[in-house]
Amino acid sequence: MGKVVTGANVPNVTSNFYPVSVQDWELKLMPFKASTALADGGAVGIEISGNTTTGNLTVMGVENAAGADFVGILAERIAATDADYATAGKLKAVLIPKSIYSEAFFTVTAGTFTAVDVFKTVEITSGSLGLSVDTAGKGARITEFLTSTRGKCKFNLPTTETA
C-alpha cells in the first residue's frame, strides 16, 4: 500500500461504507483507473470503456449495469495529490465481500430513511459514498435500519454482462 491507512491513536473514520464484520471481507490490492479521486469508504466497481472492461476499478456507478458491477469498498483514499494519481493500474487497498451475506454499514446520502425501507433495492449515490434510499435501483439491498442517517446493506445483486 505504501502509506498508513489510519494513523496511530487516530480513531477510524466510520463514514461512507464500511464492513459490519471484517471477517466477512477480504483486503486486496486492486488496480485503479488513472486520475479519479475517491474517499476511503467509497464503493468501487469495474471500469467499462467502449462496452468492454479495462482491467481497472473506478468509482462505482449508481447501480450494477452494463458490466460495471460492484467489487468492493475502497480502504484508502485516492487523492489528486497522490504521486501515482495519474497512473492507470495503480494498486489500492479494497475490501471485497467474501460471500453474498457480507454486510456493510452505509451512510444515507439522499432521501428520507425509515424502518420501512428495509429490504428495498436502491441506487448508490452519485459519488459512491452512500445510498439514495428513496431511489429504486440495483446498487444495494438495505438489510437493517439503524438511524435516519445510517443502516446496513448487502451488495449481492445480480451481476450484469458486457458485450
C-alpha atoms as a PDB file:
ATOM      1  CA  MET A   1       0.000   0.000   0.000  1.00  0.00           C
ATOM      2  CA  GLY A   2       2.795   2.409   0.684  1.00  0.00           C
ATOM      3  CA  LYS A   3       1.057   4.600   3.266  1.00  0.00           C
ATOM      4  CA  VAL A   4      -0.693   4.219   6.590  1.00  0.00           C
ATOM      5  CA  VAL A   5      -4.466   3.945   6.169  1.00  0.00           C
ATOM      6  CA  THR A   6      -5.209   5.052   9.762  1.00  0.00           C
ATOM      7  CA  GLY A   7      -2.526   6.634  11.907  1.00  0.00           C
ATOM      8  CA  ALA A   8      -1.649   5.514  15.431  1.00  0.00           C
ATOM      9  CA  ASN A   9      -4.014   6.812  18.127  1.00  0.00           C
ATOM     10  CA  VAL A  10      -6.392   8.158  15.480  1.00  0.00           C
ATOM     11  CA  PRO A  11      -9.976   6.879  15.534  1.00  0.00           C
ATOM     12  CA  ASN A  12     -11.186   5.099  12.424  1.00  0.00           C
ATOM     13  CA  VAL A  13     -13.375   7.201  10.193  1.00  0.00           C
ATOM     14  CA  THR A  14     -16.718   5.469  10.051  1.00  0.00           C
ATOM     15  CA  SER A  15     -18.444   7.415   7.338  1.00  0.00           C
ATOM     16  CA  ASN A  16     -19.388   6.206   3.886  1.00  0.00           C
ATOM     17  CA  PHE A  17     -19.419   2.393   3.511  1.00  0.00           C
ATOM     18  CA  TYR A  18     -17.516   0.081   5.873  1.00  0.00           C
ATOM     19  CA  PRO A  19     -17.786  -3.625   6.777  1.00  0.00           C
ATOM     20  CA  VAL A  20     -20.129  -4.751   9.556  1.00  0.00           C
ATOM     21  CA  SER A  21     -17.764  -7.662  10.277  1.00  0.00           C
ATOM     22  CA  VAL A  22     -14.227  -7.538   8.874  1.00  0.00           C
ATOM     23  CA  GLN A  23     -14.108 -11.355   8.909  1.00  0.00           C
ATOM     24  CA  ASP A  24     -16.665 -11.295   6.066  1.00  0.00           C
ATOM     25  CA  TRP A  25     -14.482  -9.089   3.850  1.00  0.00           C
ATOM     26  CA  GLU A  26     -11.041  -9.640   2.306  1.00  0.00           C
ATOM     27  CA  LEU A  27      -8.498  -6.831   1.910  1.00  0.00           C
ATOM     28  CA  LYS A  28      -6.801  -6.966  -1.506  1.00  0.00           C
ATOM     29  CA  LEU A  29      -4.690  -4.652  -3.613  1.00  0.00           C
ATOM     30  CA  MET A  30      -6.583  -3.900  -6.831  1.00  0.00           C
ATOM     31  CA  PRO A  31      -5.693  -1.868  -9.968  1.00  0.00           C
ATOM     32  CA  PHE A  32      -7.415   1.509 -10.453  1.00  0.00           C
ATOM     33  CA  LYS A  33      -8.244   3.898 -13.262  1.00  0.00           C
ATOM     34  CA  ALA A  34      -5.972   6.931 -13.677  1.00  0.00           C
ATOM     35  CA  SER A  35      -6.911  10.405 -12.451  1.00  0.00           C
ATOM     36  CA  THR A  36     -10.022   9.550 -10.420  1.00  0.00           C
ATOM     37  CA  ALA A  37     -10.273  10.704  -6.792  1.00  0.00           C
ATOM     38  CA  LEU A  38     -12.358   8.859  -4.187  1.00  0.00           C
ATOM     39  CA  ALA A  39     -12.611   8.982  -0.402  1.00  0.00           C
ATOM     40  CA  ASP A  40     -11.942   5.882   1.667  1.00  0.00           C
ATOM     41  CA  GLY A  41     -15.184   4.021   2.230  1.00  0.00           C
ATOM     42  CA  GLY A  42     -16.335   4.689  -1.314  1.00  0.00           C
ATOM     43  CA  ALA A  43     -17.916   1.924  -3.380  1.00  0.00           C
ATOM     44  CA  VAL A  44     -15.816   0.791  -6.344  1.00  0.00           C
ATOM     45  CA  GLY A  45     -16.769  -1.126  -9.455  1.00  0.00           C
ATOM     46  CA  ILE A  46     -15.421  -2.420 -12.736  1.00  0.00           C
ATOM     47  CA  GLU A  47     -14.369   0.242 -15.241  1.00  0.00           C
ATOM     48  CA  ILE A  48     -16.086  -0.154 -18.614  1.00  0.00           C
ATOM     49  CA  SER A  49     -14.881   1.650 -21.738  1.00  0.00           C
ATOM     50  CA  GLY A  50     -16.338   1.093 -25.194  1.00  0.00           C
ATOM     51  CA  ASN A  51     -18.553  -1.772 -23.982  1.00  0.00           C
ATOM     52  CA  THR A  52     -15.663  -3.761 -22.519  1.00  0.00           C
ATOM     53  CA  THR A  53     -13.614  -3.969 -19.327  1.00  0.00           C
ATOM     54  CA  THR A  54     -10.295  -2.141 -18.890  1.00  0.00           C
ATOM     55  CA  GLY A  55      -8.781  -4.300 -16.132  1.00  0.00           C
ATOM     56  CA  ASN A  56      -9.136  -1.440 -13.645  1.00  0.00           C
ATOM     57  CA  LEU A  57     -11.593  -0.423 -10.952  1.00  0.00           C
ATOM     58  CA  THR A  58     -13.174   3.021 -10.645  1.00  0.00           C
ATOM     59  CA  VAL A  59     -15.837   4.948  -8.748  1.00  0.00           C
ATOM     60  CA  MET A  60     -18.975   2.782  -8.651  1.00  0.00           C
ATOM     61  CA  GLY A  61     -21.887   3.917 -10.776  1.00  0.00           C
ATOM     62  CA  VAL A  62     -25.330   4.286  -9.253  1.00  0.00           C
ATOM     63  CA  GLU A  63     -26.124   0.604  -9.903  1.00  0.00           C
ATOM     64  CA  ASN A  64     -24.848  -2.644 -11.398  1.00  0.00           C
ATOM     65  CA  ALA A  65     -25.327  -2.082 -15.132  1.00  0.00           C
ATOM     66  CA  ALA A  66     -23.606  -2.939 -18.419  1.00  0.00           C
ATOM     67  CA  GLY A  67     -20.869  -4.906 -16.645  1.00  0.00           C
ATOM     68  CA  ALA A  68     -19.843  -2.055 -14.314  1.00  0.00           C
ATOM     69  CA  ASP A  69     -20.650  -4.122 -11.224  1.00  0.00           C
ATOM     70  CA  PHE A  70     -19.793  -3.536  -7.565  1.00  0.00           C
ATOM     71  CA  VAL A  71     -16.452  -5.052  -6.497  1.00  0.00           C
ATOM     72  CA  GLY A  72     -15.760  -3.654  -3.032  1.00  0.00           C
ATOM     73  CA  ILE A  73     -15.156  -0.745  -0.661  1.00  0.00           C
ATOM     74  CA  LEU A  74     -12.063   1.439  -1.035  1.00  0.00           C
ATOM     75  CA  ALA A  75      -9.919   1.110   2.107  1.00  0.00           C
ATOM     76  CA  GLU A  76      -7.605   4.050   1.353  1.00  0.00           C
ATOM     77  CA  ARG A  77      -8.387   7.351  -0.287  1.00  0.00           C
ATOM     78  CA  ILE A  78      -7.250   8.286  -3.769  1.00  0.00           C
ATOM     79  CA  ALA A  79      -6.379  11.992  -3.897  1.00  0.00           C
ATOM     80  CA  ALA A  80      -5.291  14.273  -6.723  1.00  0.00           C
ATOM     81  CA  THR A  81      -2.131  14.976  -4.685  1.00  0.00           C
ATOM     82  CA  ASP A  82      -1.035  11.299  -4.701  1.00  0.00           C
ATOM     83  CA  ALA A  83       2.208  10.675  -6.625  1.00  0.00           C
ATOM     84  CA  ASP A  84       0.506   7.880  -8.615  1.00  0.00           C
ATOM     85  CA  TYR A  85      -2.819   9.727  -9.175  1.00  0.00           C
ATOM     86  CA  ALA A  86      -2.425   9.890 -12.988  1.00  0.00           C
ATOM     87  CA  THR A  87      -1.202   6.286 -13.260  1.00  0.00           C
ATOM     88  CA  ALA A  88      -3.569   3.663 -14.683  1.00  0.00           C
ATOM     89  CA  GLY A  89      -3.295   0.332 -12.876  1.00  0.00           C
ATOM     90  CA  LYS A  90      -2.036   1.806  -9.575  1.00  0.00           C
ATOM     91  CA  LEU A  91      -2.724  -0.628  -6.730  1.00  0.00           C
ATOM     92  CA  LYS A  92      -5.034   0.472  -3.909  1.00  0.00           C
ATOM     93  CA  ALA A  93      -6.484  -1.445  -0.946  1.00  0.00           C
ATOM     94  CA  VAL A  94     -10.065  -2.636  -1.436  1.00  0.00           C
ATOM     95  CA  LEU A  95     -12.319  -4.574   0.951  1.00  0.00           C
ATOM     96  CA  ILE A  96     -14.041  -7.291  -1.089  1.00  0.00           C
ATOM     97  CA  PRO A  97     -17.055  -9.216   0.261  1.00  0.00           C
ATOM     98  CA  LYS A  98     -16.326 -12.914   0.839  1.00  0.00           C
ATOM     99  CA  SER A  99     -19.929 -14.003   0.341  1.00  0.00           C
ATOM    100  CA  ILE A 100     -23.394 -12.818  -0.631  1.00  0.00           C
ATOM    101  CA  TYR A 101     -24.103 -12.439   3.089  1.00  0.00           C
ATOM    102  CA  SER A 102     -21.328  -9.863   3.731  1.00  0.00           C
ATOM    103  CA  GLU A 103     -22.913  -6.697   5.105  1.00  0.00           C
ATOM    104  CA  ALA A 104     -21.688  -3.112   5.177  1.00  0.00           C
ATOM    105  CA  PHE A 105     -22.737  -0.058   7.115  1.00  0.00           C
ATOM    106  CA  PHE A 106     -23.831   2.780   4.847  1.00  0.00           C
ATOM    107  CA  THR A 107     -24.487   6.491   5.063  1.00  0.00           C
ATOM    108  CA  VAL A 108     -27.759   7.912   3.772  1.00  0.00           C
ATOM    109  CA  THR A 109     -26.656  10.491   1.206  1.00  0.00           C
ATOM    110  CA  ALA A 110     -30.045  11.122  -0.410  1.00  0.00           C
ATOM    111  CA  GLY A 111     -33.648  10.566   0.649  1.00  0.00           C
ATOM    112  CA  THR A 112     -35.541  10.025   3.892  1.00  0.00           C
ATOM    113  CA  PHE A 113     -34.582   6.774   5.626  1.00  0.00           C
ATOM    114  CA  THR A 114     -37.023   4.912   7.883  1.00  0.00           C
ATOM    115  CA  ALA A 115     -37.539   1.315   9.035  1.00  0.00           C
ATOM    116  CA  VAL A 116     -39.962   0.662   6.154  1.00  0.00           C
ATOM    117  CA  ASP A 117     -37.022   0.975   3.719  1.00  0.00           C
ATOM    118  CA  VAL A 118     -35.519  -2.347   4.908  1.00  0.00           C
ATOM    119  CA  PHE A 119     -35.265  -4.899   2.049  1.00  0.00           C
ATOM    120  CA  LYS A 120     -35.523  -2.241  -0.678  1.00  0.00           C
ATOM    121  CA  THR A 121     -33.021  -2.360  -3.508  1.00  0.00           C
ATOM    122  CA  VAL A 122     -31.700   1.142  -4.077  1.00  0.00           C
ATOM    123  CA  GLU A 123     -29.119   3.138  -6.000  1.00  0.00           C
ATOM    124  CA  ILE A 124     -25.666   4.050  -4.798  1.00  0.00           C
ATOM    125  CA  THR A 125     -25.454   7.849  -4.669  1.00  0.00           C
ATOM    126  CA  SER A 126     -23.516   9.570  -7.423  1.00  0.00           C
ATOM    127  CA  GLY A 127     -20.002   9.854  -5.993  1.00  0.00           C
ATOM    128  CA  SER A 128     -20.195   6.356  -4.464  1.00  0.00           C
ATOM    129  CA  LEU A 129     -20.171   7.375  -0.785  1.00  0.00           C
ATOM    130  CA  GLY A 130     -23.641   6.253   0.332  1.00  0.00           C
ATOM    131  CA  LEU A 131     -27.126   5.161  -0.704  1.00  0.00           C
ATOM    132  CA  SER A 132     -30.041   7.019  -2.232  1.00  0.00           C
ATOM    133  CA  VAL A 133     -32.645   5.348  -0.026  1.00  0.00           C
ATOM    134  CA  ASP A 134     -35.660   6.700  -1.937  1.00  0.00           C
ATOM    135  CA  THR A 135     -34.398   5.740  -5.413  1.00  0.00           C
ATOM    136  CA  ALA A 136     -35.143   2.197  -6.612  1.00  0.00           C
ATOM    137  CA  GLY A 137     -32.171   0.602  -8.340  1.00  0.00           C
ATOM    138  CA  LYS A 138     -29.682  -2.245  -8.496  1.00  0.00           C
ATOM    139  CA  GLY A 139     -26.930  -0.774  -6.304  1.00  0.00           C
ATOM    140  CA  ALA A 140     -27.502  -2.406  -2.899  1.00  0.00           C
ATOM    141  CA  ARG A 141     -30.166  -4.100  -0.792  1.00  0.00           C
ATOM    142  CA  ILE A 142     -30.930  -2.455   2.568  1.00  0.00           C
ATOM    143  CA  THR A 143     -30.830  -5.060   5.355  1.00  0.00           C
ATOM    144  CA  GLU A 144     -31.214  -3.024   8.549  1.00  0.00           C
ATOM    145  CA  PHE A 145     -32.348   0.390   9.773  1.00  0.00           C
ATOM    146  CA  LEU A 146     -30.094   1.903  12.469  1.00  0.00           C
ATOM    147  CA  THR A 147     -30.811   5.646  12.450  1.00  0.00           C
ATOM    148  CA  SER A 148     -32.194   8.175   9.986  1.00  0.00           C
ATOM    149  CA  THR A 149     -28.665   8.566   8.574  1.00  0.00           C
ATOM    150  CA  ARG A 150     -27.155   5.048   8.933  1.00  0.00           C
ATOM    151  CA  GLY A 151     -28.093   1.499   8.051  1.00  0.00           C
ATOM    152  CA  LYS A 152     -26.756  -1.847   6.866  1.00  0.00           C
ATOM    153  CA  CYS A 153     -26.787  -3.209   3.317  1.00  0.00           C
ATOM    154  CA  LYS A 154     -25.588  -6.048   1.088  1.00  0.00           C
ATOM    155  CA  PHE A 155     -24.249  -5.820  -2.452  1.00  0.00           C
ATOM    156  CA  ASN A 156     -25.379  -9.306  -3.538  1.00  0.00           C
ATOM    157  CA  LEU A 157     -27.454  -8.141  -6.506  1.00  0.00           C
ATOM    158  CA  PRO A 158     -27.169  -9.913  -9.867  1.00  0.00           C
ATOM    159  CA  THR A 159     -24.128  -9.055 -11.917  1.00  0.00           C
ATOM    160  CA  THR A 160     -24.569  -7.757 -15.446  1.00  0.00           C
ATOM    161  CA  GLU A 161     -22.914  -8.551 -18.750  1.00  0.00           C
ATOM    162  CA  THR A 162     -20.611  -6.761 -21.138  1.00  0.00           C
ATOM    163  CA  ALA A 163     -20.633  -7.236 -24.898  1.00  0.00           C
END
